[in-house]
Amino acid sequence: MMEGIITLALPDNWITEVVKQYPSVVKLIDSKAFDTEVRDLVQIEVENTEDLPKVIESVRNNPNIFNVDISAIDKGKALAAFSTNQCMVCRVLAGTECFLTRSTTTPDGRMQWTMLVTRNSAFKELIDALKNLNADPKLVKLTEITDTDELTMRQEQITRMAFERGYFDFPRRIGLKELAKIFGISTSTLSEILRKGQRRIMQRYFQEHRQY
């Protein structure tokens, strides 16, 4: 198992248009590919709170976006779910063995993807496919993950993926063995990662929401 980080351009994409027009950060929370469309869930955070209504209007009026469900969740943040039939980059990712754990915009309007990669060849295939789409992928980092690595960002990434795939649902939509197989690690190692990951998240939450 490896962790790969790349940046890429999204030509003629709504994200690029929004980031260029308004100082903001767009985080892709989840993306699901269907036969004729891609369904995205994103969080938009603007630098200037007065820009948020304009960004929401821009997303709603984009001709390549439909089935839009978007609402402000804070003064400068909005959560949006919508469908698009133009995101070929998303379709390419969905067809690989690279698992997206974080996606956010960079100050220059590019996207930065952090991924867990099962095979080096799968990562290369993704890079080649992105090049064919003129997405201009640039490698930031590719590192091997071992059972003895110190657990910091990895805890959060794996815990987040376990959450998104339904490990913490009741009843569970995925089991420990299935998750461990995806990550290429033992169930005991995964269990320890999840335990430490949950502890870190809870510790961070209670530190930020301390009442005394």
Protein backbone atom coordinates (compact mmCIF):
# COMPACT_ATOMS: atom_id res chain seq x y z
CA MET A 1 0.00 0.00 0.00
CA MET A 2 1.26 3.46 -0.94
CA GLU A 3 0.15 7.03 -0.46
CA GLY A 4 0.23 9.18 -3.56
CA ILE A 5 -0.28 12.93 -3.86
CA ILE A 6 -0.74 14.65 -7.21
CA THR A 7 -1.97 18.00 -8.47
CA LEU A 8 -3.95 18.31 -11.68
CA ALA A 9 -5.81 20.80 -13.80
CA LEU A 10 -9.51 20.46 -14.52
CA PRO A 11 -10.01 22.10 -17.93
CA ASP A 12 -13.47 23.61 -18.50
CA ASN A 13 -14.56 22.57 -15.02
CA TRP A 14 -16.84 24.53 -12.67
CA ILE A 15 -14.31 24.22 -9.82
CA THR A 16 -11.62 25.98 -11.83
CA GLU A 17 -14.07 28.75 -12.77
CA VAL A 18 -15.18 29.32 -9.16
CA VAL A 19 -11.67 29.35 -7.67
CA LYS A 20 -10.41 31.76 -10.34
CA GLN A 21 -13.32 34.15 -9.85
CA TYR A 22 -13.65 34.00 -6.06
CA PRO A 23 -10.89 33.37 -3.45
CA SER A 24 -12.09 30.01 -2.18
CA VAL A 25 -11.28 26.38 -1.43
CA VAL A 26 -13.34 23.52 -2.82
CA LYS A 27 -13.06 20.12 -1.15
CA LEU A 28 -14.41 17.03 -2.85
CA ILE A 29 -15.98 14.90 -0.12
CA ASP A 30 -17.29 12.06 -2.29
CA SER A 31 -17.84 11.24 -5.95
CA LYS A 32 -19.92 8.44 -7.44
CA ALA A 33 -19.84 7.48 -11.12
CA PHE A 34 -23.01 6.22 -12.81
CA ASP A 35 -23.71 5.21 -16.42
CA THR A 36 -24.32 8.70 -17.79
CA GLU A 37 -23.32 11.02 -14.97
CA VAL A 38 -21.10 11.65 -11.96
CA ARG A 39 -22.64 12.63 -8.62
CA ASP A 40 -20.40 14.84 -6.47
CA LEU A 41 -20.56 16.00 -2.87
CA VAL A 42 -18.38 19.04 -2.18
CA GLN A 43 -17.72 21.64 0.47
CA ILE A 44 -17.08 25.19 -0.70
CA GLU A 45 -15.34 27.64 1.63
CA VAL A 46 -14.96 31.24 0.50
CA GLU A 47 -12.40 33.72 1.78
CA ASN A 48 -14.88 36.60 1.69
CA THR A 49 -18.25 35.71 3.20
CA GLU A 50 -20.10 38.10 0.88
CA ASP A 51 -18.98 35.94 -2.07
CA LEU A 52 -20.84 32.84 -0.89
CA PRO A 53 -24.26 33.72 -2.42
CA LYS A 54 -22.50 34.50 -5.73
CA VAL A 55 -20.68 31.16 -5.67
CA ILE A 56 -23.92 29.29 -4.92
CA GLU A 57 -25.65 31.10 -7.79
CA SER A 58 -22.71 30.31 -10.09
CA VAL A 59 -22.95 26.59 -9.30
CA ARG A 60 -26.74 26.56 -9.75
CA ASN A 61 -26.50 28.33 -13.12
CA ASN A 62 -23.68 26.21 -14.53
CA PRO A 63 -25.05 24.54 -17.70
CA ASN A 64 -23.04 21.37 -17.07
CA ILE A 65 -24.44 20.82 -13.57
CA PHE A 66 -27.91 19.49 -12.74
CA ASN A 67 -29.88 17.94 -9.85
CA VAL A 68 -28.31 20.57 -7.58
CA ASP A 69 -28.86 20.49 -3.82
CA ILE A 70 -26.80 23.24 -2.21
CA SER A 71 -27.09 25.18 1.03
CA ALA A 72 -24.97 27.42 3.26
CA ILE A 73 -23.79 25.63 6.41
CA ASP A 74 -21.84 28.55 7.85
CA LYS A 75 -21.16 32.20 7.03
CA GLY A 76 -18.47 31.29 4.52
CA LYS A 77 -19.20 27.61 3.79
CA ALA A 78 -21.65 25.73 1.63
CA LEU A 79 -22.32 22.03 1.09
CA ALA A 80 -23.35 20.99 -2.40
CA ALA A 81 -24.49 17.75 -4.02
CA PHE A 82 -25.05 17.70 -7.77
CA SER A 83 -24.69 15.69 -10.95
CA THR A 84 -22.54 16.40 -13.98
CA ASN A 85 -21.89 14.53 -17.21
CA GLN A 86 -18.63 16.30 -18.02
CA CYS A 87 -16.25 15.13 -15.30
CA MET A 88 -14.17 12.63 -17.30
CA VAL A 89 -11.39 12.99 -14.73
CA CYS A 90 -13.74 11.66 -12.02
CA ARG A 91 -14.69 8.72 -14.23
CA VAL A 92 -11.03 7.86 -14.77
CA LEU A 93 -10.39 7.82 -11.02
CA ALA A 94 -13.46 5.65 -10.38
CA GLY A 95 -12.10 3.02 -12.76
CA THR A 96 -8.74 2.58 -11.02
CA GLU A 97 -7.41 0.93 -7.87
CA CYS A 98 -6.55 4.35 -6.42
CA PHE A 99 -8.73 5.37 -3.46
CA LEU A 100 -9.20 9.10 -3.01
CA THR A 101 -8.86 10.14 0.63
CA ARG A 102 -8.62 13.91 0.20
CA SER A 103 -9.28 16.35 -2.64
CA THR A 104 -8.95 20.11 -2.35
CA THR A 105 -8.09 23.09 -4.52
CA THR A 106 -4.71 24.82 -4.48
CA PRO A 107 -4.22 28.62 -4.59
CA ASP A 108 -3.43 28.45 -8.33
CA GLY A 109 -6.77 26.80 -9.13
CA ARG A 110 -5.51 23.23 -9.51
CA MET A 111 -6.82 20.22 -7.59
CA GLN A 112 -4.65 18.27 -5.16
CA TRP A 113 -5.56 14.61 -4.72
CA THR A 114 -4.29 12.45 -1.88
CA MET A 115 -4.81 8.75 -2.54
CA LEU A 116 -4.17 5.33 -1.15
CA VAL A 117 -2.76 3.15 -3.92
CA THR A 118 -2.79 -0.64 -3.97
CA ARG A 119 -0.33 -1.09 -6.84
CA ASN A 120 2.37 1.13 -8.30
CA SER A 121 1.16 0.16 -11.78
CA ALA A 122 -2.38 1.37 -10.91
CA PHE A 123 -0.96 4.76 -9.97
CA LYS A 124 0.97 4.94 -13.24
CA GLU A 125 -2.16 3.99 -15.19
CA LEU A 126 -4.04 6.84 -13.50
CA ILE A 127 -1.29 9.35 -14.31
CA ASP A 128 -1.22 8.24 -17.97
CA ALA A 129 -5.02 8.45 -18.25
CA LEU A 130 -5.01 11.96 -16.76
CA LYS A 131 -2.34 13.03 -19.25
CA ASN A 132 -4.54 11.77 -22.09
CA LEU A 133 -7.31 14.04 -20.78
CA ASN A 134 -4.94 17.04 -20.75
CA ALA A 135 -5.30 17.28 -16.96
CA ASP A 136 -1.56 18.01 -16.61
CA PRO A 137 -0.97 15.71 -13.58
CA LYS A 138 2.10 16.51 -11.47
CA LEU A 139 3.45 14.11 -8.86
CA VAL A 140 3.92 15.66 -5.42
CA LYS A 141 4.74 12.54 -3.41
CA LEU A 142 4.54 8.75 -3.58
CA THR A 143 5.53 6.89 -0.44
CA GLU A 144 5.31 3.28 0.71
CA ILE A 145 3.13 2.64 3.76
CA THR A 146 4.21 -0.11 6.12
CA ASP A 147 2.70 -1.52 9.31
CA THR A 148 5.46 0.13 11.32
CA ASP A 149 4.91 3.67 9.99
CA GLU A 150 4.06 6.34 12.51
CA LEU A 151 0.34 6.97 12.34
CA THR A 152 -0.61 10.59 11.82
CA MET A 153 -2.40 11.64 8.63
CA ARG A 154 -2.78 7.98 7.71
CA GLN A 155 -5.03 7.42 10.74
CA GLU A 156 -7.36 10.15 9.59
CA GLN A 157 -7.38 9.01 5.96
CA ILE A 158 -8.18 5.38 6.75
CA THR A 159 -10.71 6.30 9.45
CA ARG A 160 -12.42 8.65 7.00
CA MET A 161 -12.58 5.99 4.28
CA ALA A 162 -13.96 3.47 6.79
CA PHE A 163 -16.61 6.04 7.72
CA GLU A 164 -17.53 6.76 4.09
CA ARG A 165 -17.81 3.06 3.25
CA GLY A 166 -20.16 2.43 6.18
CA TYR A 167 -17.93 0.73 8.74
CA PHE A 168 -19.39 2.89 11.52
CA ASP A 169 -22.99 2.55 10.32
CA PHE A 170 -25.50 0.41 12.17
CA PRO A 171 -25.78 -2.13 10.78
CA ARG A 172 -22.34 -1.97 9.17
CA ARG A 173 -22.18 -1.77 5.37
CA ILE A 174 -18.61 -3.09 5.31
CA GLY A 175 -16.65 -5.29 7.70
CA LEU A 176 -13.13 -5.15 9.09
CA LYS A 177 -11.90 -7.99 6.85
CA GLU A 178 -13.17 -6.27 3.70
CA LEU A 179 -11.53 -2.99 4.68
CA ALA A 180 -8.26 -4.68 5.56
CA LYS A 181 -8.25 -6.34 2.13
CA ILE A 182 -8.72 -2.95 0.43
CA PHE A 183 -5.79 -1.45 2.35
CA GLY A 184 -3.60 -4.56 2.00
CA ILE A 185 -2.96 -4.84 5.75
CA SER A 186 -3.92 -7.27 8.50
CA THR A 187 -7.21 -6.91 10.39
CA SER A 188 -5.30 -6.44 13.66
CA THR A 189 -3.27 -3.58 12.17
CA LEU A 190 -6.39 -1.97 10.71
CA SER A 191 -8.23 -2.31 14.02
CA GLU A 192 -5.36 -0.51 15.79
CA ILE A 193 -5.30 2.24 13.15
CA LEU A 194 -9.04 2.80 13.50
CA ARG A 195 -8.80 2.84 17.29
CA LYS A 196 -6.02 5.43 17.26
CA GLY A 197 -7.71 7.38 14.49
CA GLN A 198 -10.95 7.62 16.43
CA ARG A 199 -9.05 8.68 19.54
CA ARG A 200 -7.30 11.49 17.64
CA ILE A 201 -10.56 12.72 16.13
CA MET A 202 -12.36 12.68 19.48
CA GLN A 203 -9.42 14.36 21.20
CA ARG A 204 -9.36 17.11 18.56
CA TYR A 205 -13.14 17.55 18.80
CA PHE A 206 -13.19 17.91 22.59
CA GLN A 207 -10.21 20.26 22.55
CA GLU A 208 -12.01 22.52 20.05
CA HIS A 209 -15.34 22.35 21.90
CA ARG A 210 -14.12 22.57 25.47
CA GLN A 211 -16.78 24.08 27.69
CA TYR A 212 -14.52 25.16 30.56
